[in-house]
PDB file of N, CA and C in Angstrom:
ATOM      1  N   MET A   1       0.862  -0.992  -0.138  1.00  0.00           N
ATOM      2  CA  MET A   1      -0.171   0.234   0.248  1.00  0.00           C
ATOM      3  C   MET A   1       0.955   1.384  -0.186  1.00  0.00           C
ATOM      4  N   LYS A   2       2.155   1.242   0.928  1.00  0.00           N
ATOM      5  CA  LYS A   2       2.993   2.510   0.789  1.00  0.00           C
ATOM      6  C   LYS A   2       3.634   2.699  -0.604  1.00  0.00           C
ATOM      7  N   ARG A   3       3.710   1.674  -1.049  1.00  0.00           N
ATOM      8  CA  ARG A   3       4.484   1.381  -2.494  1.00  0.00           C
ATOM      9  C   ARG A   3       3.326   2.339  -3.612  1.00  0.00           C
ATOM     10  N   ILE A   4       2.397   1.845  -3.540  1.00  0.00           N
ATOM     11  CA  ILE A   4       1.111   2.468  -4.390  1.00  0.00           C
ATOM     12  C   ILE A   4       1.125   4.229  -3.977  1.00  0.00           C
ATOM     13  N   ALA A   5       1.083   4.265  -2.686  1.00  0.00           N
ATOM     14  CA  ALA A   5       0.892   5.859  -2.375  1.00  0.00           C
ATOM     15  C   ALA A   5       2.248   6.604  -3.026  1.00  0.00           C
ATOM     16  N   LEU A   6       3.642   6.012  -2.794  1.00  0.00           N
ATOM     17  CA  LEU A   6       4.850   6.942  -3.057  1.00  0.00           C
ATOM     18  C   LEU A   6       4.912   6.934  -4.711  1.00  0.00           C
ATOM     19  N   ILE A   7       4.147   5.767  -5.463  1.00  0.00           N
ATOM     20  CA  ILE A   7       4.034   5.853  -6.921  1.00  0.00           C
ATOM     21  C   ILE A   7       2.922   7.131  -7.339  1.00  0.00           C
ATOM     22  N   ALA A   8       1.791   7.089  -6.759  1.00  0.00           N
ATOM     23  CA  ALA A   8       0.819   8.400  -6.967  1.00  0.00           C
ATOM     24  C   ALA A   8       1.553   9.719  -6.692  1.00  0.00           C
ATOM     25  N   VAL A   9       2.421   9.888  -5.746  1.00  0.00           N
ATOM     26  CA  VAL A   9       2.981  10.861  -5.349  1.00  0.00           C
ATOM     27  C   VAL A   9       3.958  11.450  -6.500  1.00  0.00           C
ATOM     28  N   ILE A  10       4.710  10.440  -7.013  1.00  0.00           N
ATOM     29  CA  ILE A  10       5.633  10.934  -7.777  1.00  0.00           C
ATOM     30  C   ILE A  10       5.240  11.114  -9.184  1.00  0.00           C
ATOM     31  N   LEU A  11       3.966  10.315  -9.568  1.00  0.00           N
ATOM     32  CA  LEU A  11       3.151  10.878 -10.733  1.00  0.00           C
ATOM     33  C   LEU A  11       2.497  11.988 -10.724  1.00  0.00           C
ATOM     34  N   SER A  12       2.202  12.348  -9.479  1.00  0.00           N
ATOM     35  CA  SER A  12       1.651  13.775  -9.546  1.00  0.00           C
ATOM     36  C   SER A  12       2.530  15.135  -9.732  1.00  0.00           C
ATOM     37  N   GLY A  13       3.679  14.621  -9.388  1.00  0.00           N
ATOM     38  CA  GLY A  13       4.811  15.622  -9.537  1.00  0.00           C
ATOM     39  C   GLY A  13       5.218  15.907 -10.894  1.00  0.00           C
ATOM     40  N   PHE A  14       5.291  14.520 -11.649  1.00  0.00           N
ATOM     41  CA  PHE A  14       5.189  14.607 -13.117  1.00  0.00           C
ATOM     42  C   PHE A  14       4.145  15.594 -13.750  1.00  0.00           C
ATOM     43  N   ALA A  15       2.936  15.556 -13.475  1.00  0.00           N
ATOM     44  CA  ALA A  15       1.819  16.121 -13.843  1.00  0.00           C
ATOM     45  C   ALA A  15       2.006  17.368 -13.585  1.00  0.00           C
ATOM     46  N   GLY A  16       2.349  17.955 -12.293  1.00  0.00           N
ATOM     47  CA  GLY A  16       2.449  19.177 -12.023  1.00  0.00           C
ATOM     48  C   GLY A  16       3.664  19.879 -12.798  1.00  0.00           C
ATOM     49  N   ALA A  17       4.836  19.451 -12.929  1.00  0.00           N
ATOM     50  CA  ALA A  17       5.769  19.642 -13.743  1.00  0.00           C
ATOM     51  C   ALA A  17       5.501  20.047 -15.121  1.00  0.00           C
ATOM     52  N   ALA A  18       4.494  19.003 -15.534  1.00  0.00           N
ATOM     53  CA  ALA A  18       4.178  19.491 -17.396  1.00  0.00           C
ATOM     54  C   ALA A  18       3.435  20.385 -17.090  1.00  0.00           C
ATOM     55  N   GLN A  19       2.552  20.785 -16.288  1.00  0.00           N
ATOM     56  CA  GLN A  19       1.319  21.511 -16.577  1.00  0.00           C
ATOM     57  C   GLN A  19       2.335  23.217 -16.307  1.00  0.00           C
ATOM     58  N   ALA A  20       3.292  22.901 -15.054  1.00  0.00           N
ATOM     59  CA  ALA A  20       4.182  24.209 -14.908  1.00  0.00           C
ATOM     60  C   ALA A  20       4.619  24.783 -16.297  1.00  0.00           C
ATOM     61  N   ASN A  21       5.089  23.959 -17.296  1.00  0.00           N
ATOM     62  CA  ASN A  21       5.469  24.691 -18.577  1.00  0.00           C
ATOM     63  C   ASN A  21       4.433  24.844 -19.726  1.00  0.00           C
ATOM     64  N   LEU A  22       3.317  25.063 -19.161  1.00  0.00           N
ATOM     65  CA  LEU A  22       2.278  25.453 -20.293  1.00  0.00           C
ATOM     66  C   LEU A  22       2.888  26.547 -21.225  1.00  0.00           C
ATOM     67  N   ILE A  23       2.876  27.751 -20.597  1.00  0.00           N
ATOM     68  CA  ILE A  23       3.362  28.836 -21.698  1.00  0.00           C
ATOM     69  C   ILE A  23       4.512  28.379 -22.354  1.00  0.00           C
ATOM     70  N   LYS A  24       5.895  27.779 -21.661  1.00  0.00           N
ATOM     71  CA  LYS A  24       6.762  27.604 -22.492  1.00  0.00           C
ATOM     72  C   LYS A  24       6.674  26.525 -23.673  1.00  0.00           C
ATOM     73  N   ASN A  25       5.699  25.582 -23.485  1.00  0.00           N
ATOM     74  CA  ASN A  25       5.542  24.730 -24.351  1.00  0.00           C
ATOM     75  C   ASN A  25       4.704  25.164 -25.636  1.00  0.00           C
ATOM     76  N   ALA A  26       3.498  26.000 -25.086  1.00  0.00           N
ATOM     77  CA  ALA A  26       2.892  26.810 -26.264  1.00  0.00           C
ATOM     78  C   ALA A  26       3.688  27.830 -27.243  1.00  0.00           C
ATOM     79  N   CYS A  27       4.827  28.401 -26.570  1.00  0.00           N
ATOM     80  CA  CYS A  27       5.587  29.241 -27.045  1.00  0.00           C
ATOM     81  C   CYS A  27       6.694  28.338 -28.173  1.00  0.00           C
ATOM     82  N   MET A  28       6.955  27.605 -27.428  1.00  0.00           N
ATOM     83  CA  MET A  28       7.887  26.830 -28.323  1.00  0.00           C
ATOM     84  C   MET A  28       7.251  26.021 -29.586  1.00  0.00           C
ATOM     85  N   GLY A  29       5.769  25.683 -29.397  1.00  0.00           N
ATOM     86  CA  GLY A  29       5.036  25.284 -30.422  1.00  0.00           C
ATOM     87  C   GLY A  29       4.613  26.388 -31.532  1.00  0.00           C
ATOM     88  N   SER A  30       4.700  27.614 -31.373  1.00  0.00           N
ATOM     89  CA  SER A  30       4.290  28.766 -32.166  1.00  0.00           C
ATOM     90  C   SER A  30       5.082  28.982 -33.306  1.00  0.00           C
ATOM     91  N   ASP A  31       4.662  29.462 -34.308  1.00  0.00           N
ATOM     92  CA  ASP A  31       5.593  30.073 -35.235  1.00  0.00           C
ATOM     93  C   ASP A  31       6.405  31.135 -34.946  1.00  0.00           C
ATOM     94  N   ARG A  32       5.945  32.036 -34.138  1.00  0.00           N
ATOM     95  CA  ARG A  32       6.561  33.031 -33.879  1.00  0.00           C
ATOM     96  C   ARG A  32       7.988  33.238 -32.874  1.00  0.00           C
ATOM     97  N   ALA A  33       7.921  32.132 -32.517  1.00  0.00           N
ATOM     98  CA  ALA A  33       9.143  31.800 -31.431  1.00  0.00           C
ATOM     99  C   ALA A  33      10.214  31.130 -32.147  1.00  0.00           C
ATOM    100  N   ASP A  34       9.676  30.503 -33.243  1.00  0.00           N
ATOM    101  CA  ASP A  34      11.281  30.139 -34.163  1.00  0.00           C
ATOM    102  C   ASP A  34      12.006  28.989 -33.190  1.00  0.00           C
ATOM    103  N   GLY A  35      11.588  28.364 -32.149  1.00  0.00           N
ATOM    104  CA  GLY A  35      12.049  27.423 -31.657  1.00  0.00           C
ATOM    105  C   GLY A  35      12.964  28.097 -30.476  1.00  0.00           C
ATOM    106  N   ASN A  36      12.886  28.972 -30.247  1.00  0.00           N
ATOM    107  CA  ASN A  36      13.883  29.769 -29.278  1.00  0.00           C
ATOM    108  C   ASN A  36      13.718  29.361 -27.646  1.00  0.00           C
ATOM    109  N   TYR A  37      14.173  28.209 -27.238  1.00  0.00           N
ATOM    110  CA  TYR A  37      14.193  27.765 -25.966  1.00  0.00           C
ATOM    111  C   TYR A  37      14.338  28.755 -24.890  1.00  0.00           C
ATOM    112  N   ALA A  38      15.356  29.482 -25.116  1.00  0.00           N
ATOM    113  CA  ALA A  38      15.750  30.382 -23.889  1.00  0.00           C
ATOM    114  C   ALA A  38      14.567  31.552 -23.796  1.00  0.00           C
ATOM    115  N   LEU A  39      14.351  32.124 -25.035  1.00  0.00           N
ATOM    116  CA  LEU A  39      13.147  33.042 -25.016  1.00  0.00           C
ATOM    117  C   LEU A  39      11.850  32.513 -24.348  1.00  0.00           C
ATOM    118  N   CYS A  40      11.416  31.165 -24.783  1.00  0.00           N
ATOM    119  CA  CYS A  40      10.412  30.809 -24.296  1.00  0.00           C
ATOM    120  C   CYS A  40      10.272  30.035 -22.613  1.00  0.00           C
ATOM    121  N   GLY A  41      11.746  29.914 -22.088  1.00  0.00           N
ATOM    122  CA  GLY A  41      11.890  29.637 -20.767  1.00  0.00           C
ATOM    123  C   GLY A  41      11.806  31.104 -20.201  1.00  0.00           C
ATOM    124  N   CYS A  42      12.211  31.975 -20.716  1.00  0.00           N
ATOM    125  CA  CYS A  42      12.385  33.317 -20.101  1.00  0.00           C
ATOM    126  C   CYS A  42      10.601  33.711 -19.777  1.00  0.00           C
ATOM    127  N   ILE A  43       9.947  33.514 -20.726  1.00  0.00           N
ATOM    128  CA  ILE A  43       8.376  33.813 -20.842  1.00  0.00           C
ATOM    129  C   ILE A  43       7.582  33.039 -19.831  1.00  0.00           C
ATOM    130  N   GLN A  44       7.955  31.690 -19.601  1.00  0.00           N
ATOM    131  CA  GLN A  44       7.493  30.930 -18.735  1.00  0.00           C
ATOM    132  C   GLN A  44       7.687  31.332 -17.346  1.00  0.00           C
ATOM    133  N   ASP A  45       8.989  31.947 -16.893  1.00  0.00           N
ATOM    134  CA  ASP A  45       9.413  32.466 -15.686  1.00  0.00           C
ATOM    135  C   ASP A  45       8.854  33.390 -15.504  1.00  0.00           C
ATOM    136  N   ALA A  46       8.111  34.639 -16.468  1.00  0.00           N
ATOM    137  CA  ALA A  46       7.665  35.918 -16.275  1.00  0.00           C
ATOM    138  C   ALA A  46       5.944  35.256 -15.797  1.00  0.00           C
ATOM    139  N   ALA A  47       5.674  34.061 -16.410  1.00  0.00           N
ATOM    140  CA  ALA A  47       4.204  33.593 -16.235  1.00  0.00           C
ATOM    141  C   ALA A  47       4.195  33.320 -14.783  1.00  0.00           C
ATOM    142  N   ASN A  48       5.237  32.358 -14.360  1.00  0.00           N
ATOM    143  CA  ASN A  48       4.924  31.669 -12.880  1.00  0.00           C
ATOM    144  C   ASN A  48       5.180  32.822 -12.213  1.00  0.00           C
ATOM    145  N   ARG A  49       5.715  33.997 -12.418  1.00  0.00           N
ATOM    146  CA  ARG A  49       5.828  35.097 -11.169  1.00  0.00           C
ATOM    147  C   ARG A  49       4.317  36.023 -11.490  1.00  0.00           C
ATOM    148  N   THR A  50       3.723  35.943 -12.327  1.00  0.00           N
ATOM    149  CA  THR A  50       2.553  36.817 -12.442  1.00  0.00           C
ATOM    150  C   THR A  50       1.131  36.045 -12.755  1.00  0.00           C
ATOM    151  N   LEU A  51       1.144  35.093 -13.298  1.00  0.00           N
ATOM    152  CA  LEU A  51      -0.156  34.393 -13.651  1.00  0.00           C
ATOM    153  C   LEU A  51      -0.311  33.224 -12.732  1.00  0.00           C
ATOM    154  N   THR A  52      -1.635  32.905 -12.470  1.00  0.00           N
ATOM    155  CA  THR A  52      -2.050  31.517 -11.768  1.00  0.00           C
ATOM    156  C   THR A  52      -2.022  30.548 -12.823  1.00  0.00           C
ATOM    157  N   ARG A  53      -1.752  29.333 -12.174  1.00  0.00           N
ATOM    158  CA  ARG A  53      -1.927  28.168 -13.244  1.00  0.00           C
ATOM    159  C   ARG A  53      -2.956  28.022 -14.058  1.00  0.00           C
ATOM    160  N   SER A  54      -4.250  28.615 -13.412  1.00  0.00           N
ATOM    161  CA  SER A  54      -5.687  28.866 -14.100  1.00  0.00           C
ATOM    162  C   SER A  54      -5.182  29.916 -15.205  1.00  0.00           C
ATOM    163  N   ASP A  55      -4.832  30.700 -14.895  1.00  0.00           N
ATOM    164  CA  ASP A  55      -4.403  32.013 -15.961  1.00  0.00           C
ATOM    165  C   ASP A  55      -3.662  31.502 -17.098  1.00  0.00           C
ATOM    166  N   GLN A  56      -2.285  30.624 -16.622  1.00  0.00           N
ATOM    167  CA  GLN A  56      -1.498  30.054 -17.559  1.00  0.00           C
ATOM    168  C   GLN A  56      -2.104  29.088 -18.627  1.00  0.00           C
ATOM    169  N   ARG A  57      -3.160  28.256 -18.098  1.00  0.00           N
ATOM    170  CA  ARG A  57      -3.900  27.692 -18.943  1.00  0.00           C
ATOM    171  C   ARG A  57      -4.651  28.247 -20.220  1.00  0.00           C
ATOM    172  N   LEU A  58      -5.300  29.472 -19.732  1.00  0.00           N
ATOM    173  CA  LEU A  58      -5.990  30.080 -20.601  1.00  0.00           C
ATOM    174  C   LEU A  58      -4.854  31.003 -21.634  1.00  0.00           C
ATOM    175  N   ALA A  59      -3.965  31.427 -20.918  1.00  0.00           N
ATOM    176  CA  ALA A  59      -2.958  32.301 -21.692  1.00  0.00           C
ATOM    177  C   ALA A  59      -2.105  31.561 -22.958  1.00  0.00           C
ATOM    178  N   ALA A  60      -2.110  30.211 -22.600  1.00  0.00           N
ATOM    179  CA  ALA A  60      -1.278  29.356 -23.563  1.00  0.00           C
ATOM    180  C   ALA A  60      -2.215  29.165 -24.488  1.00  0.00           C
ATOM    181  N   THR A  61      -3.629  29.240 -24.711  1.00  0.00           N
ATOM    182  CA  THR A  61      -4.362  29.148 -25.834  1.00  0.00           C
ATOM    183  C   THR A  61      -4.155  30.233 -26.733  1.00  0.00           C
ATOM    184  N   PHE A  62      -3.898  31.170 -26.290  1.00  0.00           N
ATOM    185  CA  PHE A  62      -3.558  32.180 -26.898  1.00  0.00           C
ATOM    186  C   PHE A  62      -2.351  32.234 -28.238  1.00  0.00           C
ATOM    187  N   PHE A  63      -1.370  31.480 -27.965  1.00  0.00           N
ATOM    188  CA  PHE A  63      -0.484  31.130 -28.874  1.00  0.00           C
ATOM    189  C   PHE A  63      -0.821  30.747 -30.147  1.00  0.00           C
ATOM    190  N   ASN A  64      -1.739  29.628 -30.051  1.00  0.00           N
ATOM    191  CA  ASN A  64      -1.966  29.042 -31.399  1.00  0.00           C
ATOM    192  C   ASN A  64      -3.554  29.714 -31.739  1.00  0.00           C
ATOM    193  N   ASN A  65      -4.099  30.610 -30.752  1.00  0.00           N
ATOM    194  CA  ASN A  65      -5.479  31.148 -31.135  1.00  0.00           C
ATOM    195  C   ASN A  65      -5.583  32.734 -30.873  1.00  0.00           C
ATOM    196  N   PRO A  66      -4.578  33.504 -31.654  1.00  0.00           N
ATOM    197  CA  PRO A  66      -4.808  35.011 -31.086  1.00  0.00           C
ATOM    198  C   PRO A  66      -6.045  35.405 -31.258  1.00  0.00           C
ATOM    199  N   GLN A  67      -6.913  34.972 -31.884  1.00  0.00           N
ATOM    200  CA  GLN A  67      -8.331  35.634 -31.826  1.00  0.00           C
ATOM    201  C   GLN A  67      -9.203  35.309 -30.492  1.00  0.00           C
ATOM    202  N   ARG A  68      -8.772  34.226 -29.697  1.00  0.00           N
ATOM    203  CA  ARG A  68      -9.250  33.943 -28.364  1.00  0.00           C
ATOM    204  C   ARG A  68      -8.915  35.152 -27.393  1.00  0.00           C
ATOM    205  N   ALA A  69      -7.254  35.833 -27.596  1.00  0.00           N
ATOM    206  CA  ALA A  69      -7.104  36.757 -26.753  1.00  0.00           C
ATOM    207  C   ALA A  69      -8.132  37.864 -26.909  1.00  0.00           C
ATOM    208  N   GLN A  70      -8.134  38.115 -28.144  1.00  0.00           N
ATOM    209  CA  GLN A  70      -9.194  39.329 -28.528  1.00  0.00           C
ATOM    210  C   GLN A  70     -10.453  39.167 -27.910  1.00  0.00           C
ATOM    211  N   GLU A  71     -11.020  38.190 -27.896  1.00  0.00           N
ATOM    212  CA  GLU A  71     -12.291  37.749 -27.499  1.00  0.00           C
ATOM    213  C   GLU A  71     -12.218  38.145 -25.760  1.00  0.00           C
ATOM    214  N   ILE A  72     -11.238  37.404 -25.297  1.00  0.00           N
ATOM    215  CA  ILE A  72     -10.974  37.674 -23.796  1.00  0.00           C
ATOM    216  C   ILE A  72     -10.948  39.295 -23.321  1.00  0.00           C
ATOM    217  N   ARG A  73     -10.164  39.955 -24.210  1.00  0.00           N
ATOM    218  CA  ARG A  73      -9.871  41.301 -23.655  1.00  0.00           C
ATOM    219  C   ARG A  73     -11.183  42.252 -23.875  1.00  0.00           C
ATOM    220  N   GLN A  74     -11.925  41.935 -25.228  1.00  0.00           N
ATOM    221  CA  GLN A  74     -13.314  42.595 -25.226  1.00  0.00           C
ATOM    222  C   GLN A  74     -14.566  41.945 -24.727  1.00  0.00           C
ATOM    223  N   SER A  75     -14.212  41.034 -23.772  1.00  0.00           N
ATOM    224  CA  SER A  75     -15.391  40.377 -23.181  1.00  0.00           C
ATOM    225  C   SER A  75     -15.917  41.249 -21.860  1.00  0.00           C
ATOM    226  N   ASN A  76     -17.080  41.181 -21.539  1.00  0.00           N
ATOM    227  CA  ASN A  76     -17.634  42.104 -20.362  1.00  0.00           C
ATOM    228  C   ASN A  76     -17.838  41.373 -19.066  1.00  0.00           C
ATOM    229  N   ARG A  77     -17.438  40.211 -19.186  1.00  0.00           N
ATOM    230  CA  ARG A  77     -17.190  39.239 -17.927  1.00  0.00           C
ATOM    231  C   ARG A  77     -16.085  39.893 -17.077  1.00  0.00           C
ATOM    232  N   ARG A  78     -16.597  40.055 -15.578  1.00  0.00           N
ATOM    233  CA  ARG A  78     -15.778  40.421 -14.687  1.00  0.00           C
ATOM    234  C   ARG A  78     -14.416  39.748 -14.586  1.00  0.00           C
ATOM    235  N   SER A  79     -14.426  38.347 -14.546  1.00  0.00           N
ATOM    236  CA  SER A  79     -13.595  37.416 -14.703  1.00  0.00           C
ATOM    237  C   SER A  79     -12.531  37.725 -15.586  1.00  0.00           C
ATOM    238  N   HIS A  80     -12.826  37.997 -16.740  1.00  0.00           N
ATOM    239  CA  HIS A  80     -11.840  38.268 -17.846  1.00  0.00           C
ATOM    240  C   HIS A  80     -11.433  39.604 -17.648  1.00  0.00           C
ATOM    241  N   GLU A  81     -12.078  40.605 -17.014  1.00  0.00           N
ATOM    242  CA  GLU A  81     -11.314  41.562 -17.066  1.00  0.00           C
ATOM    243  C   GLU A  81     -10.229  41.761 -16.045  1.00  0.00           C
ATOM    244  N   VAL A  82     -10.544  41.013 -14.969  1.00  0.00           N
ATOM    245  CA  VAL A  82      -9.570  40.648 -13.942  1.00  0.00           C
ATOM    246  C   VAL A  82      -8.320  39.847 -14.451  1.00  0.00           C
ATOM    247  N   PHE A  83      -8.864  39.008 -15.272  1.00  0.00           N
ATOM    248  CA  PHE A  83      -7.587  38.078 -15.955  1.00  0.00           C
ATOM    249  C   PHE A  83      -6.841  39.073 -16.859  1.00  0.00           C
ATOM    250  N   TRP A  84      -7.178  39.792 -17.755  1.00  0.00           N
ATOM    251  CA  TRP A  84      -6.597  40.685 -18.590  1.00  0.00           C
ATOM    252  C   TRP A  84      -5.826  41.529 -17.823  1.00  0.00           C
ATOM    253  N   GLU A  85      -5.998  41.930 -16.282  1.00  0.00           N
ATOM    254  CA  GLU A  85      -5.289  43.015 -15.969  1.00  0.00           C
ATOM    255  C   GLU A  85      -3.912  42.174 -15.460  1.00  0.00           C
ATOM    256  N   ARG A  86      -4.066  40.766 -14.779  1.00  0.00           N
ATOM    257  CA  ARG A  86      -2.922  39.968 -14.767  1.00  0.00           C
ATOM    258  C   ARG A  86      -2.148  39.964 -16.140  1.00  0.00           C
ATOM    259  N   TYR A  87      -2.944  39.525 -17.039  1.00  0.00           N
ATOM    260  CA  TYR A  87      -2.331  39.354 -18.250  1.00  0.00           C
ATOM    261  C   TYR A  87      -1.298  40.408 -18.781  1.00  0.00           C
ATOM    262  N   ARG A  88      -1.717  41.580 -18.718  1.00  0.00           N
ATOM    263  CA  ARG A  88      -0.908  42.913 -19.057  1.00  0.00           C
ATOM    264  C   ARG A  88       0.211  42.755 -18.247  1.00  0.00           C
ATOM    265  N   ASN A  89      -0.171  42.628 -16.882  1.00  0.00           N
ATOM    266  CA  ASN A  89       1.355  42.677 -16.216  1.00  0.00           C
ATOM    267  C   ASN A  89       2.415  41.647 -16.381  1.00  0.00           C
ATOM    268  N   PHE A  90       1.879  40.323 -16.976  1.00  0.00           N
ATOM    269  CA  PHE A  90       2.586  39.390 -17.398  1.00  0.00           C
ATOM    270  C   PHE A  90       3.421  39.795 -18.646  1.00  0.00           C
ATOM    271  N   GLY A  91       2.527  40.570 -19.441  1.00  0.00           N
ATOM    272  CA  GLY A  91       3.237  41.007 -20.750  1.00  0.00           C
ATOM    273  C   GLY A  91       4.452  41.762 -20.441  1.00  0.00           C
ATOM    274  N   ASN A  92       3.946  42.863 -19.301  1.00  0.00           N
ATOM    275  CA  ASN A  92       4.818  43.708 -19.158  1.00  0.00           C
ATOM    276  C   ASN A  92       6.378  43.042 -18.628  1.00  0.00           C
ATOM    277  N   ALA A  93       6.103  42.419 -17.768  1.00  0.00           N
ATOM    278  CA  ALA A  93       7.057  41.806 -17.285  1.00  0.00           C
ATOM    279  C   ALA A  93       8.109  40.869 -17.967  1.00  0.00           C
ATOM    280  N   ALA A  94       7.283  40.064 -18.845  1.00  0.00           N
ATOM    281  CA  ALA A  94       7.982  39.088 -19.923  1.00  0.00           C
ATOM    282  C   ALA A  94       8.942  40.264 -20.975  1.00  0.00           C
ATOM    283  N   GLU A  95       8.304  41.299 -21.169  1.00  0.00           N
ATOM    284  CA  GLU A  95       9.006  42.048 -22.103  1.00  0.00           C
ATOM    285  C   GLU A  95      10.406  42.657 -21.154  1.00  0.00           C
ATOM    286  N   THR A  96      10.261  43.139 -19.910  1.00  0.00           N
ATOM    287  CA  THR A  96      11.332  43.668 -19.113  1.00  0.00           C
ATOM    288  C   THR A  96      12.567  42.810 -19.097  1.00  0.00           C
ATOM    289  N   PHE A  97      11.730  41.248 -18.802  1.00  0.00           N
ATOM    290  CA  PHE A  97      12.942  40.062 -18.141  1.00  0.00           C
ATOM    291  C   PHE A  97      13.559  39.375 -19.488  1.00  0.00           C
ATOM    292  N   CYS A  98      12.692  39.743 -20.463  1.00  0.00           N
ATOM    293  CA  CYS A  98      13.265  38.969 -21.582  1.00  0.00           C
ATOM    294  C   CYS A  98      13.687  39.528 -23.070  1.00  0.00           C
ATOM    295  N   ARG A  99      14.030  40.561 -22.617  1.00  0.00           N
ATOM    296  CA  ARG A  99      14.918  41.307 -23.742  1.00  0.00           C
ATOM    297  C   ARG A  99      16.193  40.821 -24.253  1.00  0.00           C
ATOM    298  N   SER A 100      16.318  40.449 -25.624  1.00  0.00           N
ATOM    299  CA  SER A 100      17.595  39.995 -26.064  1.00  0.00           C
ATOM    300  C   SER A 100      18.757  40.946 -25.957  1.00  0.00           C
TER     301      SER A 100
END
């Protein structure tokens, strides 16, 4: 029984690590990043400092669907307004930290 619990803890750590790189993975997969691992890693670091995991899940969708970002930005939902404020802070942080 202890062995099963240990395996579950190890696997949950892997799932958390994979989710922790949502922005970096989306960045690496986009045509705009051109496979720049260092840049995408820096952008992920900025996301980790400014966005919740939930925010990161939503923001990662913008890399493949920029129209989604526009829809969220123009939305009248309060949750989208609050998200967009955090997203702007993320963008400013990424721009400051990740300049080449």
